[in-house]
Amino acid sequence: MRSVKKDSLSRSTNLLCTVAGSMALLLGIVGIYGVISYAVSQRTREIGIRMAMGAQRSALTGLFVRQGLLLTAIGVIFGVGAAFAAMRLMRLLLFDVSPMDPLTYLVATVCVIAISGLACYLPSRRATAVDPVEALRAE
């Protein structure tokens, strides 16, 4: 009877940690999208000038995606470092998974980078679709 109660408690703790982690990931992605979208909107005039001078849309999109992925890489480095620091505290909550499981760290890192790349691509693609003349007139 005691093991059933302990197992139920560990499952609910794991569920709460999963929900909290998912919400943190969602907030991080929304934050990255907001920052890149704001940066793109602030540089509308620059985008117009670059396009008027002959810059390719793909080059401008790549510029903003690279900037976003650089910020993401910095965040991933600090996040993995914090995860290694916090693993001692989480050791009691993990069942059938080692706290140093490289597959878990790899999957989480790849997911964050892929979703961040998409969050960077969307606003930059939208900004490069603007007519250069309209972008130059924008304040």
N, C-alpha and C. Protein backbone atom coordinates (compact mmCIF):
# COMPACT_ATOMS: atom_id res chain seq x y z
N MET A 1 0.82 -1.18 0.00
CA MET A 1 0.00 0.00 0.00
C MET A 1 0.87 1.25 0.00
N ARG A 2 1.94 1.19 0.72
CA ARG A 2 2.84 2.33 0.84
C ARG A 2 3.52 2.66 -0.49
N SER A 3 3.91 1.63 -1.25
CA SER A 3 4.58 1.86 -2.53
C SER A 3 3.63 2.48 -3.55
N VAL A 4 2.34 2.14 -3.46
CA VAL A 4 1.37 2.72 -4.38
C VAL A 4 1.25 4.22 -4.12
N LYS A 5 1.22 4.62 -2.85
CA LYS A 5 1.11 6.04 -2.49
C LYS A 5 2.37 6.79 -2.92
N LYS A 6 3.52 6.20 -2.71
CA LYS A 6 4.78 6.83 -3.11
C LYS A 6 4.86 6.95 -4.62
N ASP A 7 4.43 5.92 -5.36
CA ASP A 7 4.45 5.94 -6.81
C ASP A 7 3.50 7.01 -7.35
N SER A 8 2.34 7.16 -6.74
CA SER A 8 1.38 8.18 -7.15
C SER A 8 1.94 9.58 -6.91
N LEU A 9 2.63 9.76 -5.80
CA LEU A 9 3.23 11.05 -5.49
C LEU A 9 4.35 11.38 -6.48
N SER A 10 5.15 10.39 -6.82
CA SER A 10 6.24 10.65 -7.77
C SER A 10 5.69 10.95 -9.17
N ARG A 11 4.60 10.30 -9.55
CA ARG A 11 4.00 10.58 -10.85
C ARG A 11 3.43 12.00 -10.90
N SER A 12 2.77 12.41 -9.83
CA SER A 12 2.21 13.76 -9.83
C SER A 12 3.32 14.81 -9.79
N THR A 13 4.41 14.52 -9.12
CA THR A 13 5.55 15.43 -9.11
C THR A 13 6.16 15.53 -10.50
N ASN A 14 6.30 14.39 -11.16
CA ASN A 14 6.83 14.39 -12.53
C ASN A 14 5.90 15.14 -13.49
N LEU A 15 4.59 14.98 -13.31
CA LEU A 15 3.64 15.69 -14.16
C LEU A 15 3.76 17.20 -13.94
N LEU A 16 3.87 17.62 -12.70
CA LEU A 16 4.03 19.05 -12.41
C LEU A 16 5.33 19.60 -12.99
N CYS A 17 6.40 18.84 -12.89
CA CYS A 17 7.67 19.28 -13.48
C CYS A 17 7.58 19.35 -15.00
N THR A 18 6.88 18.41 -15.62
CA THR A 18 6.71 18.43 -17.07
C THR A 18 5.90 19.64 -17.50
N VAL A 19 4.83 19.94 -16.79
CA VAL A 19 4.01 21.11 -17.13
C VAL A 19 4.82 22.39 -16.94
N ALA A 20 5.55 22.49 -15.85
CA ALA A 20 6.37 23.69 -15.60
C ALA A 20 7.45 23.84 -16.67
N GLY A 21 8.09 22.76 -17.04
CA GLY A 21 9.11 22.81 -18.08
C GLY A 21 8.53 23.18 -19.44
N SER A 22 7.36 22.65 -19.75
CA SER A 22 6.71 22.99 -21.02
C SER A 22 6.32 24.46 -21.06
N MET A 23 5.82 24.97 -19.97
CA MET A 23 5.46 26.40 -19.91
C MET A 23 6.70 27.28 -20.02
N ALA A 24 7.79 26.87 -19.41
CA ALA A 24 9.04 27.63 -19.54
C ALA A 24 9.53 27.63 -20.98
N LEU A 25 9.43 26.50 -21.66
CA LEU A 25 9.82 26.43 -23.07
C LEU A 25 8.93 27.32 -23.91
N LEU A 26 7.63 27.28 -23.68
CA LEU A 26 6.71 28.12 -24.43
C LEU A 26 6.99 29.60 -24.21
N LEU A 27 7.21 29.99 -22.97
CA LEU A 27 7.52 31.40 -22.68
C LEU A 27 8.84 31.82 -23.31
N GLY A 28 9.81 30.94 -23.32
CA GLY A 28 11.09 31.25 -23.95
C GLY A 28 10.96 31.45 -25.45
N ILE A 29 10.18 30.61 -26.10
CA ILE A 29 9.99 30.72 -27.55
C ILE A 29 9.20 31.98 -27.89
N VAL A 30 8.16 32.27 -27.10
CA VAL A 30 7.40 33.51 -27.32
C VAL A 30 8.30 34.72 -27.10
N GLY A 31 9.18 34.65 -26.12
CA GLY A 31 10.12 35.74 -25.87
C GLY A 31 11.08 35.94 -27.02
N ILE A 32 11.62 34.85 -27.55
CA ILE A 32 12.53 34.95 -28.70
C ILE A 32 11.80 35.54 -29.90
N TYR A 33 10.58 35.06 -30.15
CA TYR A 33 9.80 35.58 -31.26
C TYR A 33 9.54 37.08 -31.08
N GLY A 34 9.20 37.49 -29.87
CA GLY A 34 8.94 38.91 -29.60
C GLY A 34 10.17 39.77 -29.78
N VAL A 35 11.31 39.32 -29.31
CA VAL A 35 12.55 40.09 -29.43
C VAL A 35 12.95 40.23 -30.90
N ILE A 36 12.92 39.14 -31.63
CA ILE A 36 13.30 39.19 -33.05
C ILE A 36 12.29 40.03 -33.83
N SER A 37 11.01 39.88 -33.54
CA SER A 37 9.99 40.65 -34.23
C SER A 37 10.17 42.14 -33.96
N TYR A 38 10.48 42.50 -32.73
CA TYR A 38 10.73 43.90 -32.39
C TYR A 38 11.98 44.42 -33.09
N ALA A 39 13.04 43.62 -33.11
CA ALA A 39 14.28 44.03 -33.78
C ALA A 39 14.05 44.23 -35.26
N VAL A 40 13.26 43.37 -35.86
CA VAL A 40 12.96 43.51 -37.29
C VAL A 40 12.15 44.77 -37.54
N SER A 41 11.16 45.03 -36.70
CA SER A 41 10.34 46.23 -36.90
C SER A 41 11.14 47.50 -36.70
N GLN A 42 12.12 47.50 -35.82
CA GLN A 42 12.95 48.66 -35.60
C GLN A 42 13.93 48.90 -36.75
N ARG A 43 14.20 47.87 -37.52
CA ARG A 43 15.17 47.97 -38.60
C ARG A 43 14.50 47.96 -39.98
N THR A 44 13.23 48.35 -40.02
CA THR A 44 12.49 48.35 -41.28
C THR A 44 13.15 49.26 -42.30
N ARG A 45 13.57 50.43 -41.88
CA ARG A 45 14.22 51.37 -42.79
C ARG A 45 15.53 50.79 -43.34
N GLU A 46 16.29 50.16 -42.45
CA GLU A 46 17.54 49.53 -42.89
C GLU A 46 17.27 48.42 -43.90
N ILE A 47 16.22 47.65 -43.65
CA ILE A 47 15.85 46.58 -44.58
C ILE A 47 15.50 47.18 -45.94
N GLY A 48 14.74 48.28 -45.92
CA GLY A 48 14.38 48.95 -47.17
C GLY A 48 15.59 49.44 -47.93
N ILE A 49 16.54 50.03 -47.21
CA ILE A 49 17.77 50.51 -47.85
C ILE A 49 18.57 49.35 -48.44
N ARG A 50 18.70 48.29 -47.66
CA ARG A 50 19.45 47.12 -48.16
C ARG A 50 18.79 46.52 -49.40
N MET A 51 17.46 46.45 -49.37
CA MET A 51 16.75 45.89 -50.52
C MET A 51 16.85 46.82 -51.74
N ALA A 52 16.81 48.14 -51.49
CA ALA A 52 16.95 49.10 -52.59
C ALA A 52 18.35 49.04 -53.19
N MET A 53 19.33 48.70 -52.38
CA MET A 53 20.71 48.60 -52.87
C MET A 53 21.00 47.26 -53.54
N GLY A 54 20.02 46.35 -53.50
CA GLY A 54 20.18 45.09 -54.22
C GLY A 54 20.38 43.86 -53.37
N ALA A 55 20.18 43.97 -52.07
CA ALA A 55 20.34 42.79 -51.21
C ALA A 55 19.23 41.78 -51.51
N GLN A 56 19.58 40.53 -51.50
CA GLN A 56 18.61 39.47 -51.74
C GLN A 56 17.77 39.24 -50.49
N ARG A 57 16.53 38.86 -50.70
CA ARG A 57 15.63 38.59 -49.57
C ARG A 57 16.18 37.46 -48.70
N SER A 58 16.76 36.46 -49.33
CA SER A 58 17.29 35.32 -48.56
C SER A 58 18.47 35.76 -47.68
N ALA A 59 19.27 36.71 -48.17
CA ALA A 59 20.39 37.19 -47.37
C ALA A 59 19.89 37.98 -46.15
N LEU A 60 18.84 38.77 -46.34
CA LEU A 60 18.29 39.52 -45.21
C LEU A 60 17.61 38.60 -44.20
N THR A 61 16.90 37.61 -44.71
CA THR A 61 16.28 36.64 -43.80
C THR A 61 17.36 35.89 -43.02
N GLY A 62 18.42 35.49 -43.70
CA GLY A 62 19.53 34.80 -43.03
C GLY A 62 20.19 35.66 -41.97
N LEU A 63 20.26 36.96 -42.21
CA LEU A 63 20.86 37.87 -41.23
C LEU A 63 20.11 37.82 -39.91
N PHE A 64 18.78 37.92 -39.98
CA PHE A 64 17.98 37.91 -38.75
C PHE A 64 17.93 36.53 -38.10
N VAL A 65 17.91 35.49 -38.92
CA VAL A 65 17.90 34.14 -38.35
C VAL A 65 19.23 33.86 -37.64
N ARG A 66 20.34 34.29 -38.24
CA ARG A 66 21.65 34.11 -37.58
C ARG A 66 21.71 34.86 -36.25
N GLN A 67 21.19 36.08 -36.23
CA GLN A 67 21.19 36.84 -34.97
C GLN A 67 20.38 36.12 -33.90
N GLY A 68 19.21 35.64 -34.27
CA GLY A 68 18.37 34.92 -33.32
C GLY A 68 18.99 33.63 -32.84
N LEU A 69 19.61 32.90 -33.76
CA LEU A 69 20.23 31.63 -33.37
C LEU A 69 21.48 31.86 -32.52
N LEU A 70 22.15 32.97 -32.71
CA LEU A 70 23.28 33.30 -31.84
C LEU A 70 22.80 33.51 -30.41
N LEU A 71 21.71 34.27 -30.26
CA LEU A 71 21.13 34.45 -28.93
C LEU A 71 20.64 33.13 -28.35
N THR A 72 20.07 32.29 -29.19
CA THR A 72 19.61 30.98 -28.74
C THR A 72 20.78 30.12 -28.28
N ALA A 73 21.87 30.15 -29.02
CA ALA A 73 23.05 29.35 -28.64
C ALA A 73 23.60 29.79 -27.29
N ILE A 74 23.63 31.09 -27.06
CA ILE A 74 24.09 31.60 -25.76
C ILE A 74 23.16 31.11 -24.65
N GLY A 75 21.84 31.17 -24.91
CA GLY A 75 20.87 30.69 -23.93
C GLY A 75 20.98 29.20 -23.68
N VAL A 76 21.24 28.43 -24.73
CA VAL A 76 21.38 26.98 -24.57
C VAL A 76 22.61 26.65 -23.74
N ILE A 77 23.69 27.36 -23.97
CA ILE A 77 24.91 27.11 -23.20
C ILE A 77 24.66 27.37 -21.71
N PHE A 78 24.04 28.50 -21.41
CA PHE A 78 23.74 28.80 -20.00
C PHE A 78 22.70 27.82 -19.44
N GLY A 79 21.72 27.42 -20.27
CA GLY A 79 20.69 26.50 -19.81
C GLY A 79 21.22 25.12 -19.49
N VAL A 80 22.10 24.62 -20.35
CA VAL A 80 22.70 23.30 -20.09
C VAL A 80 23.59 23.37 -18.85
N GLY A 81 24.30 24.48 -18.70
CA GLY A 81 25.11 24.65 -17.48
C GLY A 81 24.25 24.67 -16.22
N ALA A 82 23.11 25.37 -16.29
CA ALA A 82 22.20 25.40 -15.14
C ALA A 82 21.58 24.03 -14.90
N ALA A 83 21.31 23.28 -15.96
CA ALA A 83 20.76 21.93 -15.80
C ALA A 83 21.77 21.01 -15.11
N PHE A 84 23.03 21.12 -15.48
CA PHE A 84 24.05 20.32 -14.80
C PHE A 84 24.17 20.71 -13.33
N ALA A 85 24.02 22.00 -13.04
CA ALA A 85 24.10 22.45 -11.65
C ALA A 85 22.89 21.97 -10.84
N ALA A 86 21.73 21.92 -11.48
CA ALA A 86 20.51 21.54 -10.77
C ALA A 86 20.26 20.04 -10.73
N MET A 87 21.08 19.27 -11.43
CA MET A 87 20.80 17.84 -11.50
C MET A 87 20.92 17.15 -10.15
N ARG A 88 21.72 17.67 -9.27
CA ARG A 88 21.82 17.05 -7.94
C ARG A 88 20.51 17.16 -7.18
N LEU A 89 19.81 18.28 -7.39
CA LEU A 89 18.53 18.46 -6.73
C LEU A 89 17.45 17.59 -7.36
N MET A 90 17.55 17.37 -8.65
CA MET A 90 16.54 16.62 -9.37
C MET A 90 16.76 15.11 -9.33
N ARG A 91 17.88 14.68 -8.83
CA ARG A 91 18.22 13.25 -8.83
C ARG A 91 17.14 12.41 -8.14
N LEU A 92 16.51 12.95 -7.10
CA LEU A 92 15.50 12.20 -6.37
C LEU A 92 14.20 12.05 -7.16
N LEU A 93 13.97 12.91 -8.13
CA LEU A 93 12.72 12.87 -8.88
C LEU A 93 12.80 12.04 -10.16
N LEU A 94 13.99 11.61 -10.53
CA LEU A 94 14.16 10.88 -11.78
C LEU A 94 14.09 9.38 -11.54
N PHE A 95 13.30 8.73 -12.38
CA PHE A 95 13.15 7.28 -12.30
C PHE A 95 13.46 6.69 -13.67
N ASP A 96 14.32 5.68 -13.70
CA ASP A 96 14.71 4.99 -14.93
C ASP A 96 15.44 5.89 -15.92
N VAL A 97 15.91 7.06 -15.47
CA VAL A 97 16.69 7.96 -16.31
C VAL A 97 17.84 8.49 -15.46
N SER A 98 19.01 8.47 -16.03
CA SER A 98 20.17 9.01 -15.33
C SER A 98 20.13 10.54 -15.42
N PRO A 99 20.57 11.24 -14.37
CA PRO A 99 20.61 12.70 -14.45
C PRO A 99 21.61 13.20 -15.50
N MET A 100 22.52 12.37 -15.90
CA MET A 100 23.52 12.73 -16.91
C MET A 100 23.19 12.10 -18.27
N ASP A 101 21.91 11.85 -18.55
CA ASP A 101 21.48 11.20 -19.78
C ASP A 101 21.76 12.11 -20.97
N PRO A 102 22.73 11.76 -21.81
CA PRO A 102 23.09 12.65 -22.93
C PRO A 102 21.98 12.76 -23.98
N LEU A 103 21.19 11.71 -24.15
CA LEU A 103 20.11 11.76 -25.13
C LEU A 103 19.06 12.82 -24.75
N THR A 104 18.75 12.91 -23.47
CA THR A 104 17.78 13.90 -23.01
C THR A 104 18.29 15.31 -23.26
N TYR A 105 19.54 15.56 -22.92
CA TYR A 105 20.12 16.88 -23.15
C TYR A 105 20.18 17.20 -24.65
N LEU A 106 20.52 16.22 -25.46
CA LEU A 106 20.62 16.43 -26.90
C LEU A 106 19.25 16.73 -27.52
N VAL A 107 18.23 15.96 -27.15
CA VAL A 107 16.89 16.16 -27.69
C VAL A 107 16.35 17.53 -27.27
N ALA A 108 16.52 17.88 -26.01
CA ALA A 108 16.04 19.18 -25.54
C ALA A 108 16.74 20.33 -26.26
N THR A 109 18.05 20.21 -26.44
CA THR A 109 18.81 21.26 -27.11
C THR A 109 18.40 21.39 -28.57
N VAL A 110 18.25 20.28 -29.27
CA VAL A 110 17.86 20.32 -30.67
C VAL A 110 16.45 20.91 -30.82
N CYS A 111 15.55 20.54 -29.93
CA CYS A 111 14.18 21.08 -30.00
C CYS A 111 14.18 22.59 -29.79
N VAL A 112 14.91 23.06 -28.80
CA VAL A 112 14.96 24.50 -28.54
C VAL A 112 15.56 25.25 -29.73
N ILE A 113 16.62 24.72 -30.30
CA ILE A 113 17.26 25.40 -31.44
C ILE A 113 16.34 25.38 -32.66
N ALA A 114 15.67 24.27 -32.91
CA ALA A 114 14.78 24.19 -34.07
C ALA A 114 13.60 25.14 -33.93
N ILE A 115 12.98 25.16 -32.78
CA ILE A 115 11.83 26.03 -32.57
C ILE A 115 12.26 27.49 -32.58
N SER A 116 13.43 27.78 -32.04
CA SER A 116 13.94 29.15 -32.07
C SER A 116 14.25 29.59 -33.49
N GLY A 117 14.78 28.69 -34.29
CA GLY A 117 15.03 29.02 -35.69
C GLY A 117 13.75 29.38 -36.42
N LEU A 118 12.69 28.65 -36.16
CA LEU A 118 11.40 28.96 -36.75
C LEU A 118 10.86 30.30 -36.23
N ALA A 119 11.03 30.53 -34.94
CA ALA A 119 10.58 31.80 -34.35
C ALA A 119 11.37 32.98 -34.88
N CYS A 120 12.56 32.77 -35.34
CA CYS A 120 13.36 33.84 -35.95
C CYS A 120 13.04 34.00 -37.43
N TYR A 121 12.72 32.90 -38.09
CA TYR A 121 12.48 32.93 -39.53
C TYR A 121 11.18 33.67 -39.87
N LEU A 122 10.14 33.44 -39.10
CA LEU A 122 8.83 34.00 -39.44
C LEU A 122 8.83 35.53 -39.49
N PRO A 123 9.30 36.25 -38.47
CA PRO A 123 9.27 37.71 -38.58
C PRO A 123 10.23 38.25 -39.64
N SER A 124 11.35 37.57 -39.84
CA SER A 124 12.30 38.07 -40.84
C SER A 124 11.75 37.87 -42.25
N ARG A 125 11.04 36.79 -42.48
CA ARG A 125 10.42 36.57 -43.79
C ARG A 125 9.34 37.60 -44.05
N ARG A 126 8.57 37.92 -43.02
CA ARG A 126 7.53 38.93 -43.15
C ARG A 126 8.12 40.30 -43.46
N ALA A 127 9.23 40.63 -42.84
CA ALA A 127 9.85 41.94 -43.05
C ALA A 127 10.45 42.07 -44.44
N THR A 128 10.99 41.01 -44.97
CA THR A 128 11.60 41.09 -46.29
C THR A 128 10.57 41.07 -47.40
N ALA A 129 9.31 40.79 -47.08
CA ALA A 129 8.25 40.80 -48.07
C ALA A 129 7.73 42.22 -48.32
N VAL A 130 8.18 43.18 -47.53
CA VAL A 130 7.73 44.57 -47.66
C VAL A 130 8.39 45.21 -48.87
N ASP A 131 7.62 46.06 -49.56
CA ASP A 131 8.15 46.80 -50.70
C ASP A 131 9.22 47.77 -50.20
N PRO A 132 10.39 47.84 -50.85
CA PRO A 132 11.47 48.73 -50.39
C PRO A 132 11.06 50.20 -50.30
N VAL A 133 10.22 50.66 -51.20
CA VAL A 133 9.78 52.05 -51.18
C VAL A 133 8.95 52.33 -49.94
N GLU A 134 8.05 51.38 -49.59
CA GLU A 134 7.24 51.54 -48.39
C GLU A 134 8.11 51.47 -47.14
N ALA A 135 9.09 50.62 -47.15
CA ALA A 135 9.98 50.49 -45.99
C ALA A 135 10.79 51.77 -45.79
N LEU A 136 11.19 52.42 -46.87
CA LEU A 136 11.94 53.66 -46.76
C LEU A 136 11.07 54.81 -46.25
N ARG A 137 9.80 54.76 -46.55
CA ARG A 137 8.87 55.80 -46.08
C ARG A 137 8.47 55.60 -44.63
N ALA A 138 8.59 54.39 -44.12
CA ALA A 138 8.17 54.08 -42.74
C ALA A 138 9.05 54.78 -41.74
N GLU A 139 8.45 55.18 -40.66
CA GLU A 139 9.22 55.82 -39.57
C GLU A 139 9.32 54.86 -38.42
